Amino acid sequence: SKYSGRWREAVTRSSLVLKLLTSQRYGSIAAAATFGL
């Protein structure tokens, strides 16, 4: 990551969430991890 500004912890966690929701096989990013909530 090239981000070095304020709120780095929140930005890093958000980027890790995006990566979690990313399909390694297809490159898509799911809108969320769940259904029905």
PDB file of all heavy atoms in Angstrom:
ATOM      1  N   SER A   1       0.821  -1.204   0.000  1.00  0.00           N
ATOM      2  CA  SER A   1       0.000   0.000   0.000  1.00  0.00           C
ATOM      3  C   SER A   1       0.855   1.254   0.000  1.00  0.00           C
ATOM      4  O   SER A   1       1.873   1.331   0.695  1.00  0.00           O
ATOM      5  CB  SER A   1      -0.918  -0.001   1.232  1.00  0.00           C
ATOM      6  OG  SER A   1      -1.626   1.224   1.336  1.00  0.00           O
ATOM      7  N   LYS A   2       0.417   2.241  -0.754  1.00  0.00           N
ATOM      8  CA  LYS A   2       1.117   3.523  -0.812  1.00  0.00           C
ATOM      9  C   LYS A   2       0.517   4.542   0.150  1.00  0.00           C
ATOM     10  O   LYS A   2       0.988   5.685   0.202  1.00  0.00           O
ATOM     11  CB  LYS A   2       1.076   4.076  -2.244  1.00  0.00           C
ATOM     12  CG  LYS A   2       1.842   3.228  -3.246  1.00  0.00           C
ATOM     13  CD  LYS A   2       1.780   3.841  -4.638  1.00  0.00           C
ATOM     14  CE  LYS A   2       2.569   3.000  -5.643  1.00  0.00           C
ATOM     15  NZ  LYS A   2       2.492   3.579  -7.020  1.00  0.00           N
ATOM     16  N   TYR A   3      -0.499   4.144   0.894  1.00  0.00           N
ATOM     17  CA  TYR A   3      -1.159   5.095   1.787  1.00  0.00           C
ATOM     18  C   TYR A   3      -0.352   5.254   3.068  1.00  0.00           C
ATOM     19  O   TYR A   3      -0.055   4.274   3.757  1.00  0.00           O
ATOM     20  CB  TYR A   3      -2.565   4.627   2.135  1.00  0.00           C
ATOM     21  CG  TYR A   3      -3.329   5.644   2.959  1.00  0.00           C
ATOM     22  CD1 TYR A   3      -3.947   6.724   2.359  1.00  0.00           C
ATOM     23  CD2 TYR A   3      -3.406   5.528   4.346  1.00  0.00           C
ATOM     24  CE1 TYR A   3      -4.641   7.669   3.107  1.00  0.00           C
ATOM     25  CE2 TYR A   3      -4.092   6.466   5.099  1.00  0.00           C
ATOM     26  CZ  TYR A   3      -4.703   7.533   4.472  1.00  0.00           C
ATOM     27  OH  TYR A   3      -5.369   8.462   5.216  1.00  0.00           O
ATOM     28  N   SER A   4       0.000   6.492   3.409  1.00  0.00           N
ATOM     29  CA  SER A   4       0.764   6.763   4.626  1.00  0.00           C
ATOM     30  C   SER A   4       0.166   7.922   5.414  1.00  0.00           C
ATOM     31  O   SER A   4       0.842   8.515   6.255  1.00  0.00           O
ATOM     32  CB  SER A   4       2.229   7.075   4.268  1.00  0.00           C
ATOM     33  OG  SER A   4       2.304   8.192   3.391  1.00  0.00           O
ATOM     34  N   GLY A   5      -1.076   8.256   5.129  1.00  0.00           N
ATOM     35  CA  GLY A   5      -1.691   9.405   5.764  1.00  0.00           C
ATOM     36  C   GLY A   5      -2.343   9.080   7.084  1.00  0.00           C
ATOM     37  O   GLY A   5      -2.118   8.024   7.688  1.00  0.00           O
ATOM     38  N   ARG A   6      -3.143  10.026   7.563  1.00  0.00           N
ATOM     39  CA  ARG A   6      -3.906   9.835   8.790  1.00  0.00           C
ATOM     40  C   ARG A   6      -4.884   8.675   8.630  1.00  0.00           C
ATOM     41  O   ARG A   6      -5.246   8.303   7.535  1.00  0.00           O
ATOM     42  CB  ARG A   6      -4.675  11.116   9.128  1.00  0.00           C
ATOM     43  CG  ARG A   6      -3.773  12.339   9.341  1.00  0.00           C
ATOM     44  CD  ARG A   6      -4.610  13.595   9.387  1.00  0.00           C
ATOM     45  NE  ARG A   6      -3.797  14.791   9.579  1.00  0.00           N
ATOM     46  CZ  ARG A   6      -3.181  15.449   8.592  1.00  0.00           C
ATOM     47  NH1 ARG A   6      -3.286  15.025   7.344  1.00  0.00           N
ATOM     48  NH2 ARG A   6      -2.465  16.527   8.852  1.00  0.00           N
ATOM     49  N   TRP A   7      -5.307   8.141   9.726  1.00  0.00           N
ATOM     50  CA  TRP A   7      -6.295   7.048   9.750  1.00  0.00           C
ATOM     51  C   TRP A   7      -5.805   5.818   8.987  1.00  0.00           C
ATOM     52  O   TRP A   7      -6.571   5.104   8.352  1.00  0.00           O
ATOM     53  CB  TRP A   7      -7.641   7.520   9.186  1.00  0.00           C
ATOM     54  CG  TRP A   7      -8.103   8.789   9.826  1.00  0.00           C
ATOM     55  CD1 TRP A   7      -8.497   8.967  11.119  1.00  0.00           C
ATOM     56  CD2 TRP A   7      -8.193  10.074   9.196  1.00  0.00           C
ATOM     57  NE1 TRP A   7      -8.829  10.285  11.338  1.00  0.00           N
ATOM     58  CE2 TRP A   7      -8.663  10.991  10.183  1.00  0.00           C
ATOM     59  CE3 TRP A   7      -7.939  10.546   7.914  1.00  0.00           C
ATOM     60  CZ2 TRP A   7      -8.867  12.332   9.901  1.00  0.00           C
ATOM     61  CZ3 TRP A   7      -8.145  11.887   7.638  1.00  0.00           C
ATOM     62  CH2 TRP A   7      -8.600  12.772   8.623  1.00  0.00           C
ATOM     63  N   ARG A   8      -4.501   5.560   9.083  1.00  0.00           N
ATOM     64  CA  ARG A   8      -3.950   4.436   8.345  1.00  0.00           C
ATOM     65  C   ARG A   8      -4.576   3.114   8.779  1.00  0.00           C
ATOM     66  O   ARG A   8      -4.826   2.225   7.953  1.00  0.00           O
ATOM     67  CB  ARG A   8      -2.431   4.362   8.524  1.00  0.00           C
ATOM     68  CG  ARG A   8      -1.789   3.245   7.691  1.00  0.00           C
ATOM     69  CD  ARG A   8      -0.283   3.140   7.904  1.00  0.00           C
ATOM     70  NE  ARG A   8       0.276   2.115   7.035  1.00  0.00           N
ATOM     71  CZ  ARG A   8       0.259   0.810   7.316  1.00  0.00           C
ATOM     72  NH1 ARG A   8      -0.285   0.387   8.453  1.00  0.00           N
ATOM     73  NH2 ARG A   8       0.796  -0.070   6.476  1.00  0.00           N
ATOM     74  N   GLU A   9      -4.841   2.968  10.079  1.00  0.00           N
ATOM     75  CA  GLU A   9      -5.412   1.710  10.563  1.00  0.00           C
ATOM     76  C   GLU A   9      -6.780   1.453   9.937  1.00  0.00           C
ATOM     77  O   GLU A   9      -7.071   0.332   9.498  1.00  0.00           O
ATOM     78  CB  GLU A   9      -5.518   1.743  12.087  1.00  0.00           C
ATOM     79  CG  GLU A   9      -5.984   0.426  12.676  1.00  0.00           C
ATOM     80  CD  GLU A   9      -5.951   0.429  14.192  1.00  0.00           C
ATOM     81  OE1 GLU A   9      -5.347   1.356  14.781  1.00  0.00           O
ATOM     82  OE2 GLU A   9      -6.535  -0.498  14.789  1.00  0.00           O
ATOM     83  N   ALA A  10      -7.636   2.484   9.877  1.00  0.00           N
ATOM     84  CA  ALA A  10      -8.965   2.312   9.294  1.00  0.00           C
ATOM     85  C   ALA A  10      -8.871   2.039   7.799  1.00  0.00           C
ATOM     86  O   ALA A  10      -9.622   1.207   7.258  1.00  0.00           O
ATOM     87  CB  ALA A  10      -9.820   3.553   9.543  1.00  0.00           C
ATOM     88  N   VAL A  11      -7.969   2.728   7.122  1.00  0.00           N
ATOM     89  CA  VAL A  11      -7.803   2.522   5.678  1.00  0.00           C
ATOM     90  C   VAL A  11      -7.253   1.127   5.406  1.00  0.00           C
ATOM     91  O   VAL A  11      -7.704   0.426   4.483  1.00  0.00           O
ATOM     92  CB  VAL A  11      -6.890   3.611   5.081  1.00  0.00           C
ATOM     93  CG1 VAL A  11      -6.513   3.276   3.646  1.00  0.00           C
ATOM     94  CG2 VAL A  11      -7.587   4.972   5.141  1.00  0.00           C
ATOM     95  N   THR A  12      -6.282   0.695   6.213  1.00  0.00           N
ATOM     96  CA  THR A  12      -5.716  -0.639   6.018  1.00  0.00           C
ATOM     97  C   THR A  12      -6.759  -1.719   6.252  1.00  0.00           C
ATOM     98  O   THR A  12      -6.867  -2.677   5.469  1.00  0.00           O
ATOM     99  CB  THR A  12      -4.524  -0.855   6.967  1.00  0.00           C
ATOM    100  OG1 THR A  12      -3.495   0.089   6.651  1.00  0.00           O
ATOM    101  CG2 THR A  12      -3.957  -2.259   6.828  1.00  0.00           C
ATOM    102  N   ARG A  13      -7.551  -1.578   7.310  1.00  0.00           N
ATOM    103  CA  ARG A  13      -8.590  -2.584   7.560  1.00  0.00           C
ATOM    104  C   ARG A  13      -9.597  -2.596   6.430  1.00  0.00           C
ATOM    105  O   ARG A  13     -10.045  -3.672   5.996  1.00  0.00           O
ATOM    106  CB  ARG A  13      -9.271  -2.297   8.909  1.00  0.00           C
ATOM    107  CG  ARG A  13     -10.365  -3.273   9.295  1.00  0.00           C
ATOM    108  CD  ARG A  13      -9.960  -4.730   9.199  1.00  0.00           C
ATOM    109  NE  ARG A  13      -8.709  -5.020   9.886  1.00  0.00           N
ATOM    110  CZ  ARG A  13      -7.989  -6.111   9.688  1.00  0.00           C
ATOM    111  NH1 ARG A  13      -8.382  -7.023   8.804  1.00  0.00           N
ATOM    112  NH2 ARG A  13      -6.851  -6.303  10.341  1.00  0.00           N
ATOM    113  N   SER A  14      -9.961  -1.418   5.920  1.00  0.00           N
ATOM    114  CA  SER A  14     -10.907  -1.367   4.802  1.00  0.00           C
ATOM    115  C   SER A  14     -10.332  -2.038   3.572  1.00  0.00           C
ATOM    116  O   SER A  14     -11.036  -2.750   2.844  1.00  0.00           O
ATOM    117  CB  SER A  14     -11.274   0.094   4.495  1.00  0.00           C
ATOM    118  OG  SER A  14     -12.060   0.641   5.535  1.00  0.00           O
ATOM    119  N   SER A  15      -9.046  -1.829   3.302  1.00  0.00           N
ATOM    120  CA  SER A  15      -8.430  -2.474   2.139  1.00  0.00           C
ATOM    121  C   SER A  15      -8.372  -3.981   2.326  1.00  0.00           C
ATOM    122  O   SER A  15      -8.565  -4.747   1.366  1.00  0.00           O
ATOM    123  CB  SER A  15      -7.032  -1.901   1.890  1.00  0.00           C
ATOM    124  OG  SER A  15      -6.131  -2.238   2.925  1.00  0.00           O
ATOM    125  N   LEU A  16      -8.129  -4.442   3.556  1.00  0.00           N
ATOM    126  CA  LEU A  16      -8.126  -5.882   3.820  1.00  0.00           C
ATOM    127  C   LEU A  16      -9.515  -6.489   3.640  1.00  0.00           C
ATOM    128  O   LEU A  16      -9.649  -7.627   3.197  1.00  0.00           O
ATOM    129  CB  LEU A  16      -7.602  -6.150   5.230  1.00  0.00           C
ATOM    130  CG  LEU A  16      -6.077  -6.078   5.387  1.00  0.00           C
ATOM    131  CD1 LEU A  16      -5.691  -5.974   6.854  1.00  0.00           C
ATOM    132  CD2 LEU A  16      -5.406  -7.276   4.739  1.00  0.00           C
ATOM    133  N   VAL A  17     -10.562  -5.727   3.982  1.00  0.00           N
ATOM    134  CA  VAL A  17     -11.924  -6.199   3.728  1.00  0.00           C
ATOM    135  C   VAL A  17     -12.162  -6.355   2.229  1.00  0.00           C
ATOM    136  O   VAL A  17     -12.705  -7.363   1.767  1.00  0.00           O
ATOM    137  CB  VAL A  17     -12.958  -5.233   4.345  1.00  0.00           C
ATOM    138  CG1 VAL A  17     -14.373  -5.574   3.869  1.00  0.00           C
ATOM    139  CG2 VAL A  17     -12.897  -5.283   5.862  1.00  0.00           C
ATOM    140  N   LEU A  18     -11.744  -5.343   1.457  1.00  0.00           N
ATOM    141  CA  LEU A  18     -11.911  -5.426   0.003  1.00  0.00           C
ATOM    142  C   LEU A  18     -11.180  -6.632  -0.566  1.00  0.00           C
ATOM    143  O   LEU A  18     -11.699  -7.336  -1.439  1.00  0.00           O
ATOM    144  CB  LEU A  18     -11.396  -4.153  -0.659  1.00  0.00           C
ATOM    145  CG  LEU A  18     -12.172  -2.877  -0.371  1.00  0.00           C
ATOM    146  CD1 LEU A  18     -11.522  -1.701  -1.085  1.00  0.00           C
ATOM    147  CD2 LEU A  18     -13.623  -3.002  -0.775  1.00  0.00           C
ATOM    148  N   LYS A  19      -9.977  -6.874  -0.065  1.00  0.00           N
ATOM    149  CA  LYS A  19      -9.216  -8.014  -0.559  1.00  0.00           C
ATOM    150  C   LYS A  19      -9.899  -9.323  -0.182  1.00  0.00           C
ATOM    151  O   LYS A  19      -9.935 -10.272  -0.972  1.00  0.00           O
ATOM    152  CB  LYS A  19      -7.793  -7.963   0.000  1.00  0.00           C
ATOM    153  CG  LYS A  19      -6.852  -9.011  -0.592  1.00  0.00           C
ATOM    154  CD  LYS A  19      -6.628  -8.806  -2.080  1.00  0.00           C
ATOM    155  CE  LYS A  19      -5.548  -9.753  -2.606  1.00  0.00           C
ATOM    156  NZ  LYS A  19      -5.405  -9.671  -4.086  1.00  0.00           N
ATOM    157  N   LEU A  20     -10.454  -9.395   1.042  1.00  0.00           N
ATOM    158  CA  LEU A  20     -11.182 -10.592   1.459  1.00  0.00           C
ATOM    159  C   LEU A  20     -12.351 -10.891   0.533  1.00  0.00           C
ATOM    160  O   LEU A  20     -12.670 -12.049   0.268  1.00  0.00           O
ATOM    161  CB  LEU A  20     -11.717 -10.403   2.875  1.00  0.00           C
ATOM    162  CG  LEU A  20     -10.943 -10.963   4.051  1.00  0.00           C
ATOM    163  CD1 LEU A  20     -11.741 -10.769   5.328  1.00  0.00           C
ATOM    164  CD2 LEU A  20     -10.605 -12.429   3.867  1.00  0.00           C
ATOM    165  N   LEU A  21     -13.022  -9.828   0.071  1.00  0.00           N
ATOM    166  CA  LEU A  21     -14.203  -9.991  -0.773  1.00  0.00           C
ATOM    167  C   LEU A  21     -13.843 -10.183  -2.241  1.00  0.00           C
ATOM    168  O   LEU A  21     -14.729 -10.308  -3.083  1.00  0.00           O
ATOM    169  CB  LEU A  21     -15.123  -8.776  -0.610  1.00  0.00           C
ATOM    170  CG  LEU A  21     -15.734  -8.595   0.787  1.00  0.00           C
ATOM    171  CD1 LEU A  21     -16.507  -7.280   0.862  1.00  0.00           C
ATOM    172  CD2 LEU A  21     -16.628  -9.768   1.156  1.00  0.00           C
ATOM    173  N   THR A  22     -12.535 -10.205  -2.534  1.00  0.00           N
ATOM    174  CA  THR A  22     -12.064 -10.369  -3.911  1.00  0.00           C
ATOM    175  C   THR A  22     -11.896 -11.843  -4.243  1.00  0.00           C
ATOM    176  O   THR A  22     -11.393 -12.626  -3.435  1.00  0.00           O
ATOM    177  CB  THR A  22     -10.716  -9.651  -4.106  1.00  0.00           C
ATOM    178  OG1 THR A  22     -10.882  -8.256  -3.843  1.00  0.00           O
ATOM    179  CG2 THR A  22     -10.191  -9.831  -5.523  1.00  0.00           C
ATOM    180  N   SER A  23     -12.305 -12.218  -5.437  1.00  0.00           N
ATOM    181  CA  SER A  23     -12.098 -13.577  -5.917  1.00  0.00           C
ATOM    182  C   SER A  23     -10.727 -13.677  -6.569  1.00  0.00           C
ATOM    183  O   SER A  23     -10.452 -12.989  -7.558  1.00  0.00           O
ATOM    184  CB  SER A  23     -13.177 -13.964  -6.939  1.00  0.00           C
ATOM    185  OG  SER A  23     -12.826 -15.150  -7.611  1.00  0.00           O
ATOM    186  N   GLN A  24      -9.862 -14.510  -5.996  1.00  0.00           N
ATOM    187  CA  GLN A  24      -8.536 -14.699  -6.586  1.00  0.00           C
ATOM    188  C   GLN A  24      -8.644 -15.280  -7.992  1.00  0.00           C
ATOM    189  O   GLN A  24      -7.853 -14.946  -8.881  1.00  0.00           O
ATOM    190  CB  GLN A  24      -7.711 -15.625  -5.692  1.00  0.00           C
ATOM    191  CG  GLN A  24      -6.283 -15.852  -6.171  1.00  0.00           C
ATOM    192  CD  GLN A  24      -5.502 -16.746  -5.215  1.00  0.00           C
ATOM    193  OE1 GLN A  24      -6.068 -17.606  -4.554  1.00  0.00           O
ATOM    194  NE2 GLN A  24      -4.203 -16.545  -5.137  1.00  0.00           N
ATOM    195  N   ARG A  25      -9.642 -16.111  -8.186  1.00  0.00           N
ATOM    196  CA  ARG A  25      -9.786 -16.791  -9.475  1.00  0.00           C
ATOM    197  C   ARG A  25     -10.315 -15.863 -10.560  1.00  0.00           C
ATOM    198  O   ARG A  25      -9.855 -15.901 -11.702  1.00  0.00           O
ATOM    199  CB  ARG A  25     -10.723 -17.987  -9.314  1.00  0.00           C
ATOM    200  CG  ARG A  25     -10.856 -18.841 -10.566  1.00  0.00           C
ATOM    201  CD  ARG A  25     -11.854 -19.959 -10.366  1.00  0.00           C
ATOM    202  NE  ARG A  25     -11.497 -20.818  -9.243  1.00  0.00           N
ATOM    203  CZ  ARG A  25     -12.224 -21.868  -8.853  1.00  0.00           C
ATOM    204  NH1 ARG A  25     -13.351 -22.154  -9.490  1.00  0.00           N
ATOM    205  NH2 ARG A  25     -11.844 -22.603  -7.836  1.00  0.00           N
ATOM    206  N   TYR A  26     -11.267 -14.981 -10.209  1.00  0.00           N
ATOM    207  CA  TYR A  26     -11.962 -14.200 -11.231  1.00  0.00           C
ATOM    208  C   TYR A  26     -11.641 -12.706 -11.211  1.00  0.00           C
ATOM    209  O   TYR A  26     -11.882 -12.023 -12.205  1.00  0.00           O
ATOM    210  CB  TYR A  26     -13.469 -14.385 -11.084  1.00  0.00           C
ATOM    211  CG  TYR A  26     -13.907 -15.826 -11.167  1.00  0.00           C
ATOM    212  CD1 TYR A  26     -14.454 -16.471 -10.052  1.00  0.00           C
ATOM    213  CD2 TYR A  26     -13.749 -16.563 -12.340  1.00  0.00           C
ATOM    214  CE1 TYR A  26     -14.845 -17.798 -10.115  1.00  0.00           C
ATOM    215  CE2 TYR A  26     -14.139 -17.891 -12.406  1.00  0.00           C
ATOM    216  CZ  TYR A  26     -14.685 -18.508 -11.292  1.00  0.00           C
ATOM    217  OH  TYR A  26     -15.063 -19.824 -11.351  1.00  0.00           O
ATOM    218  N   GLY A  27     -11.161 -12.171 -10.091  1.00  0.00           N
ATOM    219  CA  GLY A  27     -10.875 -10.743 -10.013  1.00  0.00           C
ATOM    220  C   GLY A  27     -12.060  -9.894  -9.600  1.00  0.00           C
ATOM    221  O   GLY A  27     -11.916  -8.680  -9.432  1.00  0.00           O
ATOM    222  N   SER A  28     -13.234 -10.491  -9.428  1.00  0.00           N
ATOM    223  CA  SER A  28     -14.422  -9.752  -9.014  1.00  0.00           C
ATOM    224  C   SER A  28     -14.345  -9.436  -7.524  1.00  0.00           C
ATOM    225  O   SER A  28     -13.601 -10.070  -6.764  1.00  0.00           O
ATOM    226  CB  SER A  28     -15.674 -10.575  -9.303  1.00  0.00           C
ATOM    227  OG  SER A  28     -15.571 -11.870  -8.731  1.00  0.00           O
ATOM    228  N   ILE A  29     -15.132  -8.442  -7.097  1.00  0.00           N
ATOM    229  CA  ILE A  29     -15.222  -8.078  -5.677  1.00  0.00           C
ATOM    230  C   ILE A  29     -16.687  -8.148  -5.273  1.00  0.00           C
ATOM    231  O   ILE A  29     -17.527  -7.418  -5.803  1.00  0.00           O
ATOM    232  CB  ILE A  29     -14.668  -6.667  -5.412  1.00  0.00           C
ATOM    233  CG1 ILE A  29     -13.204  -6.574  -5.866  1.00  0.00           C
ATOM    234  CG2 ILE A  29     -14.776  -6.320  -3.929  1.00  0.00           C
ATOM    235  CD1 ILE A  29     -12.606  -5.189  -5.714  1.00  0.00           C
ATOM    236  N   ALA A  30     -17.004  -9.040  -4.341  1.00  0.00           N
ATOM    237  CA  ALA A  30     -18.387  -9.198  -3.894  1.00  0.00           C
ATOM    238  C   ALA A  30     -18.852  -7.945  -3.162  1.00  0.00           C
ATOM    239  O   ALA A  30     -18.066  -7.274  -2.487  1.00  0.00           O
ATOM    240  CB  ALA A  30     -18.516 -10.410  -2.982  1.00  0.00           C
ATOM    241  N   ALA A  31     -20.141  -7.638  -3.283  1.00  0.00           N
ATOM    242  CA  ALA A  31     -20.688  -6.471  -2.585  1.00  0.00           C
ATOM    243  C   ALA A  31     -20.635  -6.660  -1.073  1.00  0.00           C
ATOM    244  O   ALA A  31     -20.435  -5.697  -0.326  1.00  0.00           O
ATOM    245  CB  ALA A  31     -22.122  -6.219  -3.034  1.00  0.00           C
ATOM    246  N   ALA A  32     -20.821  -7.875  -0.601  1.00  0.00           N
ATOM    247  CA  ALA A  32     -20.738  -8.191   0.826  1.00  0.00           C
ATOM    248  C   ALA A  32     -20.557  -9.697   0.961  1.00  0.00           C
ATOM    249  O   ALA A  32     -20.685 -10.445  -0.015  1.00  0.00           O
ATOM    250  CB  ALA A  32     -21.980  -7.721   1.579  1.00  0.00           C
ATOM    251  N   ALA A  33     -20.282 -10.133   2.187  1.00  0.00           N
ATOM    252  CA  ALA A  33     -20.009 -11.546   2.424  1.00  0.00           C
ATOM    253  C   ALA A  33     -21.252 -12.349   2.730  1.00  0.00           C
ATOM    254  O   ALA A  33     -21.175 -13.567   2.865  1.00  0.00           O
ATOM    255  CB  ALA A  33     -19.018 -11.683   3.581  1.00  0.00           C
ATOM    256  N   THR A  34     -22.413 -11.692   2.857  1.00  0.00           N
ATOM    257  CA  THR A  34     -23.591 -12.367   3.380  1.00  0.00           C
ATOM    258  C   THR A  34     -24.821 -12.170   2.504  1.00  0.00           C
ATOM    259  O   THR A  34     -24.836 -11.356   1.580  1.00  0.00           O
ATOM    260  CB  THR A  34     -23.922 -11.827   4.790  1.00  0.00           C
ATOM    261  OG1 THR A  34     -24.107 -10.412   4.708  1.00  0.00           O
ATOM    262  CG2 THR A  34     -22.808 -12.131   5.767  1.00  0.00           C
ATOM    263  N   PHE A  35     -25.851 -12.917   2.838  1.00  0.00           N
ATOM    264  CA  PHE A  35     -27.186 -12.711   2.274  1.00  0.00           C
ATOM    265  C   PHE A  35     -28.171 -12.686   3.434  1.00  0.00           C
ATOM    266  O   PHE A  35     -27.916 -13.228   4.514  1.00  0.00           O
ATOM    267  CB  PHE A  35     -27.556 -13.821   1.281  1.00  0.00           C
ATOM    268  CG  PHE A  35     -27.708 -15.184   1.905  1.00  0.00           C
ATOM    269  CD1 PHE A  35     -28.945 -15.636   2.355  1.00  0.00           C
ATOM    270  CD2 PHE A  35     -26.614 -16.027   2.055  1.00  0.00           C
ATOM    271  CE1 PHE A  35     -29.083 -16.892   2.940  1.00  0.00           C
ATOM    272  CE2 PHE A  35     -26.746 -17.285   2.645  1.00  0.00           C
ATOM    273  CZ  PHE A  35     -27.982 -17.714   3.078  1.00  0.00           C
ATOM    274  N   GLY A  36     -29.308 -12.026   3.239  1.00  0.00           N
ATOM    275  CA  GLY A  36     -30.409 -12.123   4.186  1.00  0.00           C
ATOM    276  C   GLY A  36     -30.333 -11.243   5.410  1.00  0.00           C
ATOM    277  O   GLY A  36     -31.241 -11.279   6.238  1.00  0.00           O
ATOM    278  N   LEU A  37     -29.284 -10.443   5.586  1.00  0.00           N
ATOM    279  CA  LEU A  37     -29.219  -9.566   6.753  1.00  0.00           C
ATOM    280  C   LEU A  37     -30.020  -8.303   6.463  1.00  0.00           C
ATOM    281  O   LEU A  37     -29.803  -7.646   5.445  1.00  0.00           O
ATOM    282  CB  LEU A  37     -27.770  -9.234   7.105  1.00  0.00           C
ATOM    283  CG  LEU A  37     -26.948 -10.428   7.597  1.00  0.00           C
ATOM    284  CD1 LEU A  37     -25.532  -9.995   7.964  1.00  0.00           C
ATOM    285  CD2 LEU A  37     -27.619 -11.097   8.792  1.00  0.00           C
TER     286      LEU A  37
END
